[in-house]
């Protein structure tokens, strides 16, 4: 699973933007 860098809300899909 990826970790949210600048988007804490997108901790599920940080790559999808």
PDB file of N, CA and C in Angstrom:
ATOM      1  N   UNK A   1       0.842  -1.221   0.000  1.00  0.00           N
ATOM      2  CA  UNK A   1       0.000   0.000   0.000  1.00  0.00           C
ATOM      3  C   UNK A   1       0.871   1.262   0.000  1.00  0.00           C
ATOM      4  N   UNK A   2       0.404   2.278  -0.682  1.00  0.00           N
ATOM      5  CA  UNK A   2       1.194   3.514  -0.766  1.00  0.00           C
ATOM      6  C   UNK A   2       0.895   4.430   0.417  1.00  0.00           C
ATOM      7  N   UNK A   3       1.853   5.234   0.744  1.00  0.00           N
ATOM      8  CA  UNK A   3       1.648   6.168   1.850  1.00  0.00           C
ATOM      9  C   UNK A   3       1.368   7.574   1.328  1.00  0.00           C
ATOM     10  N   UNK A   4       0.369   8.226   1.881  1.00  0.00           N
ATOM     11  CA  UNK A   4      -0.031   9.576   1.463  1.00  0.00           C
ATOM     12  C   UNK A   4       1.030  10.611   1.805  1.00  0.00           C
ATOM     13  N   UNK A   5       1.586  11.232   0.801  1.00  0.00           N
ATOM     14  CA  UNK A   5       2.643  12.209   1.036  1.00  0.00           C
ATOM     15  C   UNK A   5       2.058  13.585   1.319  1.00  0.00           C
ATOM     16  N   UNK A   6       1.403  14.164   0.319  1.00  0.00           N
ATOM     17  CA  UNK A   6       0.847  15.504   0.494  1.00  0.00           C
ATOM     18  C   UNK A   6      -0.673  15.452   0.604  1.00  0.00           C
ATOM     19  N   UNK A   7      -1.249  14.285   0.331  1.00  0.00           N
ATOM     20  CA  UNK A   7      -2.709  14.172   0.409  1.00  0.00           C
ATOM     21  C   UNK A   7      -3.127  13.142   1.460  1.00  0.00           C
ATOM     22  N   UNK A   8      -3.371  13.592   2.667  1.00  0.00           N
ATOM     23  CA  UNK A   8      -3.765  12.718   3.775  1.00  0.00           C
ATOM     24  C   UNK A   8      -5.113  12.061   3.539  1.00  0.00           C
ATOM     25  N   UNK A   9      -5.970  12.735   2.799  1.00  0.00           N
ATOM     26  CA  UNK A   9      -7.298  12.177   2.525  1.00  0.00           C
ATOM     27  C   UNK A   9      -7.212  11.078   1.470  1.00  0.00           C
ATOM     28  N   UNK A  10      -6.194  11.182   0.626  1.00  0.00           N
ATOM     29  CA  UNK A  10      -6.041  10.212  -0.463  1.00  0.00           C
ATOM     30  C   UNK A  10      -5.120   9.073  -0.031  1.00  0.00           C
ATOM     31  N   UNK A  11      -5.207   8.683   1.225  1.00  0.00           N
ATOM     32  CA  UNK A  11      -4.324   7.628   1.705  1.00  0.00           C
ATOM     33  C   UNK A  11      -4.676   6.292   1.049  1.00  0.00           C
ATOM     34  N   UNK A  12      -5.825   6.270   0.361  1.00  0.00           N
ATOM     35  CA  UNK A  12      -6.248   5.045  -0.312  1.00  0.00           C
ATOM     36  C   UNK A  12      -5.735   5.015  -1.745  1.00  0.00           C
ATOM     37  N   UNK A  13      -5.858   6.142  -2.437  1.00  0.00           N
ATOM     38  CA  UNK A  13      -5.363   6.215  -3.814  1.00  0.00           C
ATOM     39  C   UNK A  13      -4.503   7.463  -4.023  1.00  0.00           C
ATOM     40  N   UNK A  14      -3.331   7.501  -3.431  1.00  0.00           N
ATOM     41  CA  UNK A  14      -2.438   8.650  -3.554  1.00  0.00           C
ATOM     42  C   UNK A  14      -1.898   8.787  -4.976  1.00  0.00           C
ATOM     43  N   UNK A  15      -1.876   7.672  -5.696  1.00  0.00           N
ATOM     44  CA  UNK A  15      -1.345   7.696  -7.063  1.00  0.00           C
ATOM     45  C   UNK A  15      -2.408   8.137  -8.066  1.00  0.00           C
ATOM     46  N   UNK A  16      -3.650   7.853  -7.743  1.00  0.00           N
ATOM     47  CA  UNK A  16      -4.736   8.218  -8.650  1.00  0.00           C
ATOM     48  C   UNK A  16      -4.960   9.718  -8.668  1.00  0.00           C
ATOM     49  N   UNK A  17      -4.384  10.389  -7.652  1.00  0.00           N
ATOM     50  CA  UNK A  17      -4.547  11.839  -7.559  1.00  0.00           C
ATOM     51  C   UNK A  17      -5.998  12.194  -7.278  1.00  0.00           C
TER      52      UNK A  17
END
